[in-house]
Amino acid sequence: MLKIRNLAKSYEGARRRVVLHGITLDLDAGQYVAIMGESGVGKSTLLNLIAGLDFPDEGEIVLDGQPLAGLSDDVLTRLRREKMGFVFQAFHVLPYLSVEQNVALPLQLLGIDATTVSERTRAMLASVGLEARASSAPRELSGGELQRVAIARALVHEPKLVLADEPTGNLDSDSADQVLALLRDQIKQRDSAGILVTHSHHAAASADRVLVLSADGLRAAV
């Protein structure tokens, strides 16, 4: 589903700073991995490269058989909409839309007909336990509920790859555990591939395997 080969990324400044070097990863459908590492080691940079929001200096990224290199901005945007789902620490739930409207947005952007959008959105809300909050405004929800909205929105269009960047960073421990279990279960049920970036060993333990990103590359956690 996702293939990364010998990825490298550096930034020019007063002196050249190497952020990533020699990154290789294979991720199949249904696999869910956690990536850990110290601050500044390049975890967010790696996610941006995988999402096609930034471009590597060297190496190759292939998603569902499609190499990202050389694709136009329009094609990359369409690829993200169709095949990727994103969950962030800050939720990014749109405050002027209802819960249902937030979750429906990825389907609408893909031009899916209104009846199908409604059916799939309602089913997705039910699967994350928020069917009764469909008409609620985001300000009426707790942090844990907002992250469940974000997960529903990330998965409603059945993406091939889910990228989660510190999704429990703003949650208390109980809410975090619920969100982690939900994220894992939904990725597995939909046979997506998933990458969780986190500083938390507890959060990382919810994944199938844990990888550590360092200046030496990406390796299995000991």
Protein backbone atom coordinates (compact mmCIF):
# COMPACT_ATOMS: atom_id res chain seq x y z
CA MET A 1 0.00 0.00 0.00
CA LEU A 2 2.82 2.40 0.93
CA LYS A 3 6.40 1.95 -0.20
CA ILE A 4 9.22 4.31 0.81
CA ARG A 5 12.74 3.83 -0.47
CA ASN A 6 15.91 5.65 0.64
CA LEU A 7 14.13 8.91 1.43
CA ALA A 8 16.27 11.96 2.21
CA LYS A 9 15.35 15.55 3.03
CA SER A 10 17.45 18.55 4.01
CA TYR A 11 16.89 22.29 4.33
CA GLU A 12 19.22 25.06 3.28
CA GLY A 13 20.04 27.90 5.64
CA ALA A 14 23.14 29.39 7.16
CA ARG A 15 24.24 25.81 7.06
CA ARG A 16 22.60 22.80 5.42
CA ARG A 17 20.51 20.79 7.88
CA VAL A 18 19.82 17.13 7.11
CA VAL A 19 16.44 16.14 8.53
CA LEU A 20 15.88 12.69 7.05
CA HIS A 21 18.33 10.25 5.52
CA GLY A 22 17.96 6.71 4.18
CA ILE A 23 14.32 6.23 5.24
CA THR A 24 12.80 2.98 4.00
CA LEU A 25 9.37 1.61 4.95
CA ASP A 26 6.84 -0.89 3.60
CA LEU A 27 3.26 -0.75 4.85
CA ASP A 28 0.52 -3.10 3.68
CA ALA A 29 -3.24 -2.70 3.87
CA GLY A 30 -4.47 -3.36 7.39
CA GLN A 31 -1.10 -2.60 9.00
CA TYR A 32 -0.88 0.10 11.66
CA VAL A 33 2.52 1.40 12.77
CA ALA A 34 3.64 3.99 15.30
CA ILE A 35 6.64 6.24 14.67
CA MET A 36 8.39 7.74 17.68
CA GLY A 37 11.39 10.02 17.99
CA GLU A 38 12.75 13.08 19.73
CA SER A 39 11.45 16.55 18.88
CA GLY A 40 13.03 17.93 15.73
CA VAL A 41 14.10 14.55 14.38
CA GLY A 42 11.79 14.84 11.36
CA LYS A 43 8.55 13.02 12.21
CA SER A 44 6.28 15.78 10.88
CA THR A 45 8.58 16.24 7.87
CA LEU A 46 8.19 12.55 7.07
CA LEU A 47 4.39 12.82 7.23
CA ASN A 48 4.47 15.88 4.96
CA LEU A 49 6.57 13.99 2.42
CA ILE A 50 4.24 10.98 2.50
CA ALA A 51 1.25 13.31 2.03
CA GLY A 52 2.88 15.05 -0.94
CA LEU A 53 2.89 18.39 0.90
CA ASP A 54 6.68 18.56 0.60
CA PHE A 55 9.17 16.86 -1.68
CA PRO A 56 12.22 14.72 -0.87
CA ASP A 57 15.72 15.46 -2.10
CA GLU A 58 16.25 11.78 -2.82
CA GLY A 59 14.27 8.56 -2.70
CA GLU A 60 10.85 7.34 -3.72
CA ILE A 61 7.35 7.28 -2.23
CA VAL A 62 4.71 5.04 -3.83
CA LEU A 63 1.10 5.02 -2.59
CA ASP A 64 -1.22 2.27 -3.84
CA GLY A 65 1.05 1.73 -6.85
CA GLN A 66 1.31 5.45 -7.70
CA PRO A 67 4.73 7.13 -7.39
CA LEU A 68 4.33 10.66 -5.97
CA ALA A 69 7.37 12.06 -7.79
CA GLY A 70 6.51 14.33 -10.69
CA LEU A 71 2.80 14.66 -9.94
CA SER A 72 1.25 18.12 -10.35
CA ASP A 73 -0.27 19.98 -7.40
CA ASP A 74 -3.77 19.28 -8.74
CA VAL A 75 -3.11 15.55 -9.02
CA LEU A 76 -1.56 15.44 -5.54
CA THR A 77 -4.57 17.27 -4.11
CA ARG A 78 -6.90 14.76 -5.71
CA LEU A 79 -4.74 11.88 -4.46
CA ARG A 80 -4.93 13.20 -0.89
CA ARG A 81 -8.70 13.62 -1.12
CA GLU A 82 -9.27 10.14 -2.49
CA LYS A 83 -6.66 7.99 -0.78
CA MET A 84 -5.54 9.70 2.44
CA GLY A 85 -7.13 10.57 5.75
CA PHE A 86 -5.60 12.90 8.34
CA VAL A 87 -6.01 13.15 12.12
CA PHE A 88 -4.22 15.95 13.97
CA GLN A 89 -3.57 16.91 17.59
CA ALA A 90 -5.61 20.13 17.21
CA PHE A 91 -8.72 18.38 15.76
CA HIS A 92 -9.21 20.99 12.96
CA VAL A 93 -12.98 20.55 13.19
CA LEU A 94 -14.64 23.49 11.40
CA PRO A 95 -16.54 25.47 14.06
CA TYR A 96 -19.23 26.87 11.73
CA LEU A 97 -20.33 23.42 10.53
CA SER A 98 -22.32 20.81 12.45
CA VAL A 99 -20.76 17.47 13.38
CA GLU A 100 -22.50 15.81 10.43
CA GLN A 101 -21.41 18.54 8.01
CA ASN A 102 -17.79 18.23 9.17
CA VAL A 103 -17.75 14.49 8.57
CA ALA A 104 -19.52 14.80 5.21
CA LEU A 105 -16.99 17.27 3.83
CA PRO A 106 -14.48 14.77 2.30
CA LEU A 107 -17.30 13.03 0.42
CA GLN A 108 -18.66 16.33 -0.89
CA LEU A 109 -15.21 17.38 -2.09
CA LEU A 110 -15.08 14.14 -4.10
CA GLY A 111 -18.37 15.05 -5.81
CA ILE A 112 -20.37 12.14 -4.39
CA ASP A 113 -24.15 12.47 -4.69
CA ALA A 114 -26.08 13.88 -1.73
CA THR A 115 -27.98 10.69 -0.88
CA THR A 116 -24.81 8.61 -0.68
CA VAL A 117 -23.05 11.34 1.31
CA SER A 118 -25.86 11.35 3.86
CA GLU A 119 -25.97 7.55 4.16
CA ARG A 120 -22.20 7.13 4.53
CA THR A 121 -21.88 10.04 6.94
CA ARG A 122 -24.61 8.71 9.22
CA ALA A 123 -23.08 5.23 9.15
CA MET A 124 -19.65 6.65 9.98
CA LEU A 125 -21.02 8.69 12.89
CA ALA A 126 -22.72 5.59 14.24
CA SER A 127 -19.45 3.65 14.06
CA VAL A 128 -17.68 6.24 16.23
CA GLY A 129 -20.58 6.58 18.67
CA LEU A 130 -21.67 10.07 17.63
CA GLU A 131 -24.90 9.42 15.76
CA ALA A 132 -26.88 11.32 18.42
CA ARG A 133 -24.59 14.35 18.05
CA ALA A 134 -24.96 14.72 14.27
CA SER A 135 -26.66 18.14 14.47
CA SER A 136 -24.49 19.44 17.34
CA ALA A 137 -22.08 22.33 16.93
CA PRO A 138 -18.41 21.55 17.67
CA ARG A 139 -18.44 23.94 20.65
CA GLU A 140 -20.91 21.60 22.37
CA LEU A 141 -18.51 18.63 22.29
CA SER A 142 -15.72 17.51 24.59
CA GLY A 143 -12.14 17.11 23.41
CA GLY A 144 -12.56 13.36 23.11
CA GLU A 145 -15.74 13.78 21.08
CA LEU A 146 -14.06 16.32 18.79
CA GLN A 147 -11.26 13.86 18.09
CA ARG A 148 -13.84 11.20 17.28
CA VAL A 149 -15.36 13.65 14.78
CA ALA A 150 -11.88 14.09 13.29
CA ILE A 151 -11.42 10.33 13.01
CA ALA A 152 -14.84 9.94 11.37
CA ARG A 153 -13.98 12.68 8.88
CA ALA A 154 -10.60 11.08 8.15
CA LEU A 155 -12.15 7.67 7.43
CA VAL A 156 -15.55 8.39 5.89
CA HIS A 157 -14.21 8.26 2.32
CA GLU A 158 -12.44 4.92 3.02
CA PRO A 159 -8.86 6.11 2.42
CA LYS A 160 -6.03 3.74 1.62
CA LEU A 161 -3.74 5.49 4.13
CA VAL A 162 -4.45 7.22 7.44
CA LEU A 163 -1.87 9.60 8.90
CA ALA A 164 -2.32 10.53 12.57
CA ASP A 165 -0.03 13.21 14.05
CA GLU A 166 -0.11 13.22 17.88
CA PRO A 167 -3.90 12.61 17.88
CA THR A 168 -4.12 12.30 21.69
CA GLY A 169 -1.83 15.19 22.61
CA ASN A 170 -4.71 17.40 23.80
CA LEU A 171 -6.71 14.70 25.59
CA ASP A 172 -6.88 13.37 29.14
CA SER A 173 -5.77 9.77 29.66
CA ASP A 174 -9.26 8.21 29.55
CA SER A 175 -10.26 10.08 26.39
CA ALA A 176 -6.87 9.28 24.86
CA ASP A 177 -7.33 5.55 25.45
CA GLN A 178 -10.80 5.65 23.86
CA VAL A 179 -9.55 7.56 20.83
CA LEU A 180 -6.56 5.26 20.35
CA ALA A 181 -8.76 2.16 20.48
CA LEU A 182 -11.26 3.73 18.08
CA LEU A 183 -8.58 4.80 15.62
CA ARG A 184 -7.00 1.36 15.59
CA ASP A 185 -10.34 -0.46 15.27
CA GLN A 186 -11.56 1.74 12.43
CA ILE A 187 -8.30 1.40 10.48
CA LYS A 188 -8.45 -2.38 10.87
CA GLN A 189 -12.13 -2.66 9.95
CA ARG A 190 -11.61 -0.65 6.78
CA ASP A 191 -8.37 -2.45 5.86
CA SER A 192 -6.52 0.86 5.60
CA ALA A 193 -2.84 1.33 6.28
CA GLY A 194 -2.15 3.60 9.25
CA ILE A 195 0.77 5.63 10.59
CA LEU A 196 0.63 7.11 14.09
CA VAL A 197 3.26 9.71 15.00
CA THR A 198 3.54 10.19 18.75
CA HIS A 199 5.84 11.03 21.66
CA SER A 200 3.83 8.73 23.92
CA HIS A 201 5.01 5.16 24.52
CA HIS A 202 1.50 4.38 25.77
CA ALA A 203 -0.06 5.61 22.52
CA ALA A 204 2.54 3.81 20.41
CA ALA A 205 1.69 0.53 22.13
CA SER A 206 -1.73 0.60 20.41
CA ALA A 207 -0.04 0.01 17.02
CA ASP A 208 0.98 -3.32 15.50
CA ARG A 209 4.63 -2.31 15.61
CA VAL A 210 6.68 0.64 16.81
CA LEU A 211 9.44 2.31 14.81
CA VAL A 212 11.93 4.88 16.06
CA LEU A 213 13.04 7.76 13.85
CA SER A 214 16.53 9.13 14.52
CA ALA A 215 19.45 10.66 12.66
CA ASP A 216 20.42 7.09 11.72
CA GLY A 217 17.09 6.43 9.99
CA LEU A 218 13.99 4.43 10.83
CA ARG A 219 14.38 1.27 12.88
CA ALA A 220 12.27 -1.09 14.95
CA ALA A 221 11.91 -0.14 18.60
CA VAL A 222 13.88 -2.32 21.00
